[in-house]
């Protein structure tokens, strides 16, 4: 099986299991993929401080990256708290984790997730310390979603004050210091399990 087919199948599986209203997550265990996967790539976005950044801005440190939106009622906050708890557990067990990982949140809702909105959102209790929020134009967001094979579609929702919400994948990506794909975590992965993987990656680089 080719790596391209394997990764495509992996992310297509994210469509098959619902983890809450209008949210999509891959079920099963986290999957380690050897070799270079077709996940990740170049982008230009704006961070929550108003700075224009690119994928190169964040090279040099491993990354934990999540795509979602600040108005998400439950799944996105849960995933970011899962990320934060994992980093805290890992830090308690391995002091060298501090500063090793950079945490990024990329919105799929650039219309509402402005710089100002993200600046408040990334400071929520339980989220990773130093979490960076990224937004951009609709075209920029579409480009980065495509690069990471992210599923994120606007759908009408009369119960929402904005009139819409999103169907989207809910996956935490682990990328290495060169911006290359390493692993994926889902809602099925406990913070303890993710922390163990983060420590192992810091020690082995794989």
Protein backbone atom coordinates (compact mmCIF):
# COMPACT_ATOMS: atom_id res chain seq x y z
CA UNK A 1 0.00 0.00 0.00
CA UNK A 2 1.49 3.40 -0.95
CA UNK A 3 1.96 6.09 1.70
CA UNK A 4 -0.34 8.40 -0.28
CA UNK A 5 -3.13 5.81 -0.31
CA UNK A 6 -2.58 5.01 3.37
CA UNK A 7 -2.79 8.64 4.50
CA UNK A 8 -5.81 9.26 2.26
CA UNK A 9 -7.56 6.27 3.81
CA UNK A 10 -6.57 7.41 7.29
CA UNK A 11 -8.13 10.84 6.86
CA UNK A 12 -11.12 9.57 4.91
CA UNK A 13 -11.88 7.46 7.98
CA UNK A 14 -12.40 10.72 9.84
CA UNK A 15 -15.65 11.11 7.94
CA UNK A 16 -17.07 7.88 9.22
CA UNK A 17 -17.39 8.48 12.94
CA UNK A 18 -19.31 11.29 14.60
CA UNK A 19 -18.02 12.54 17.94
CA UNK A 20 -20.79 15.05 18.56
CA UNK A 21 -23.20 17.27 16.67
CA UNK A 22 -21.68 18.41 13.40
CA UNK A 23 -18.20 17.27 14.41
CA UNK A 24 -16.13 14.50 12.83
CA UNK A 25 -13.26 12.54 14.36
CA UNK A 26 -11.31 9.48 13.38
CA UNK A 27 -12.01 6.49 15.59
CA UNK A 28 -9.50 3.91 16.72
CA UNK A 29 -5.92 4.08 17.89
CA UNK A 30 -3.45 6.75 16.91
CA UNK A 31 -1.45 5.74 13.87
CA UNK A 32 2.26 6.08 13.36
CA UNK A 33 3.26 6.47 9.74
CA UNK A 34 6.84 5.86 8.73
CA UNK A 35 8.39 7.80 5.89
CA UNK A 36 7.29 11.18 4.59
CA UNK A 37 3.52 11.58 4.46
CA UNK A 38 1.66 13.92 2.17
CA UNK A 39 0.46 16.05 5.06
CA UNK A 40 1.58 19.65 5.64
CA UNK A 41 3.10 22.28 3.41
CA UNK A 42 3.59 25.97 2.77
CA UNK A 43 1.14 28.58 4.00
CA UNK A 44 0.88 32.27 4.86
CA UNK A 45 -1.46 33.29 7.69
CA UNK A 46 -1.87 35.91 10.44
CA UNK A 47 -1.28 35.08 14.09
CA UNK A 48 -3.40 36.26 17.01
CA UNK A 49 -1.02 39.19 17.56
CA UNK A 50 -1.61 40.45 14.03
CA UNK A 51 1.72 39.28 12.61
CA UNK A 52 1.94 37.78 9.14
CA UNK A 53 3.54 34.34 9.47
CA UNK A 54 4.38 31.40 7.22
CA UNK A 55 5.09 27.71 7.77
CA UNK A 56 8.77 28.67 8.01
CA UNK A 57 8.05 30.84 11.07
CA UNK A 58 7.45 27.73 13.14
CA UNK A 59 10.23 25.49 11.91
CA UNK A 60 12.87 24.50 14.43
CA UNK A 61 10.43 23.07 16.98
CA UNK A 62 8.07 20.13 16.82
CA UNK A 63 4.44 21.21 16.51
CA UNK A 64 1.09 20.11 17.84
CA UNK A 65 -1.48 21.52 15.45
CA UNK A 66 -5.27 21.57 15.56
CA UNK A 67 -7.85 22.90 13.08
CA UNK A 68 -11.15 24.16 14.44
CA UNK A 69 -13.08 27.34 15.18
CA UNK A 70 -13.53 29.52 18.23
CA UNK A 71 -17.33 29.33 18.16
CA UNK A 72 -17.25 25.52 18.31
CA UNK A 73 -19.38 24.59 21.35
CA UNK A 74 -17.59 21.52 22.63
CA UNK A 75 -15.35 19.38 20.43
CA UNK A 76 -12.69 22.02 19.68
CA UNK A 77 -12.32 23.14 23.31
CA UNK A 78 -12.16 19.50 24.38
CA UNK A 79 -9.39 18.74 21.88
CA UNK A 80 -7.37 21.79 22.92
CA UNK A 81 -7.76 20.88 26.59
CA UNK A 82 -6.68 17.36 25.68
CA UNK A 83 -3.58 18.86 24.06
CA UNK A 84 -2.90 21.07 27.07
CA UNK A 85 -3.27 18.21 29.54
CA UNK A 86 -0.98 16.00 27.46
CA UNK A 87 1.77 18.61 27.48
CA UNK A 88 1.45 19.11 31.23
CA UNK A 89 1.65 15.38 31.90
CA UNK A 90 4.63 15.04 29.56
CA UNK A 91 6.36 18.00 31.22
CA UNK A 92 5.93 16.46 34.66
CA UNK A 93 7.57 13.25 33.46
CA UNK A 94 10.23 14.82 31.23
CA UNK A 95 11.42 18.36 31.99
CA UNK A 96 12.96 18.64 28.53
CA UNK A 97 9.47 18.72 27.01
CA UNK A 98 9.18 22.39 28.06
CA UNK A 99 9.96 24.43 24.99
CA UNK A 100 10.27 21.38 22.74
CA UNK A 101 6.76 21.61 21.30
CA UNK A 102 4.91 24.56 19.81
CA UNK A 103 1.09 24.48 19.87
CA UNK A 104 -0.90 25.95 16.98
CA UNK A 105 -4.64 26.45 16.45
CA UNK A 106 -5.68 27.19 12.86
CA UNK A 107 -9.22 28.42 12.33
CA UNK A 108 -11.48 27.05 9.63
CA UNK A 109 -13.85 29.99 10.20
CA UNK A 110 -11.91 33.10 9.15
CA UNK A 111 -15.09 35.17 8.82
CA UNK A 112 -15.69 35.15 12.58
CA UNK A 113 -12.29 34.18 13.94
CA UNK A 114 -10.58 37.53 13.69
CA UNK A 115 -7.20 38.35 15.22
CA UNK A 116 -9.00 39.91 18.19
CA UNK A 117 -11.25 36.89 18.70
CA UNK A 118 -8.34 34.45 18.58
CA UNK A 119 -6.26 36.58 20.97
CA UNK A 120 -8.92 35.96 23.63
CA UNK A 121 -9.66 32.37 22.64
CA UNK A 122 -6.11 31.02 22.92
CA UNK A 123 -5.88 32.07 26.57
CA UNK A 124 -8.77 29.83 27.71
CA UNK A 125 -8.20 27.70 30.79
CA UNK A 126 -6.78 24.28 30.05
CA UNK A 127 -5.51 25.15 26.59
CA UNK A 128 -1.77 24.68 25.93
CA UNK A 129 0.39 27.41 27.41
CA UNK A 130 1.60 29.71 24.65
CA UNK A 131 -1.02 28.44 22.19
CA UNK A 132 -0.80 30.39 18.92
CA UNK A 133 -3.98 31.18 17.01
CA UNK A 134 -3.81 31.55 13.24
CA UNK A 135 -6.34 33.03 10.84
CA UNK A 136 -6.28 34.44 7.31
CA UNK A 137 -8.30 35.13 4.22
CA UNK A 138 -10.74 32.45 3.03
CA UNK A 139 -8.31 31.56 0.24
CA UNK A 140 -5.40 31.24 2.67
CA UNK A 141 -7.45 29.01 4.97
CA UNK A 142 -8.54 26.82 2.07
CA UNK A 143 -4.91 26.39 1.06
CA UNK A 144 -3.73 25.30 4.49
CA UNK A 145 -6.75 23.00 4.92
CA UNK A 146 -5.85 21.31 1.64
CA UNK A 147 -2.22 20.95 2.70
CA UNK A 148 -3.25 19.12 5.86
CA UNK A 149 -6.16 17.20 4.29
CA UNK A 150 -8.53 18.92 6.72
CA UNK A 151 -12.28 18.45 6.32
CA UNK A 152 -14.14 21.66 7.17
CA UNK A 153 -17.40 22.60 5.50
CA UNK A 154 -19.80 25.39 6.40
CA UNK A 155 -23.37 24.17 6.86
CA UNK A 156 -26.58 26.10 7.49
CA UNK A 157 -27.83 26.05 11.07
CA UNK A 158 -30.91 28.08 11.95
CA UNK A 159 -30.31 27.49 15.66
CA UNK A 160 -26.99 29.32 15.46
CA UNK A 161 -26.99 33.12 15.73
CA UNK A 162 -24.63 33.34 12.74
CA UNK A 163 -26.86 31.05 10.70
CA UNK A 164 -24.15 28.49 10.11
CA UNK A 165 -21.78 26.07 11.77
CA UNK A 166 -19.13 23.65 10.51
CA UNK A 167 -18.80 19.95 9.85
CA UNK A 168 -15.12 19.33 10.41
CA UNK A 169 -12.51 16.75 11.21
CA UNK A 170 -11.10 16.82 14.74
CA UNK A 171 -7.51 15.63 14.78
CA UNK A 172 -4.36 16.74 16.57
CA UNK A 173 -1.37 16.62 14.22
CA UNK A 174 2.16 16.00 15.45
CA UNK A 175 4.69 17.55 13.08
CA UNK A 176 8.47 17.47 13.45
CA UNK A 177 10.83 20.45 13.57
CA UNK A 178 11.06 20.42 9.77
CA UNK A 179 7.28 20.64 9.43
CA UNK A 180 6.88 17.03 8.34
CA UNK A 181 4.06 14.77 9.50
CA UNK A 182 4.78 12.36 12.36
CA UNK A 183 1.51 11.23 13.94
CA UNK A 184 -2.18 11.94 14.53
CA UNK A 185 -4.18 11.86 17.76
CA UNK A 186 -7.94 11.64 18.14
CA UNK A 187 -10.53 12.07 20.88
CA UNK A 188 -10.06 8.36 21.63
CA UNK A 189 -6.49 9.01 22.80
CA UNK A 190 -6.17 9.87 26.48
CA UNK A 191 -3.87 12.71 27.57
CA UNK A 192 -1.67 10.11 29.26
CA UNK A 193 -1.32 8.16 26.03
CA UNK A 194 -0.54 11.28 24.01
CA UNK A 195 1.99 12.40 26.64
CA UNK A 196 3.78 9.05 26.37
CA UNK A 197 4.01 9.49 22.61
CA UNK A 198 5.28 13.07 22.96
CA UNK A 199 8.02 11.97 25.33
CA UNK A 200 9.02 9.11 23.04
CA UNK A 201 9.21 11.44 20.04
CA UNK A 202 11.34 13.95 21.93
CA UNK A 203 13.77 11.18 22.85
CA UNK A 204 13.89 9.28 19.56
CA UNK A 205 12.79 11.72 16.87
CA UNK A 206 10.32 9.19 15.50
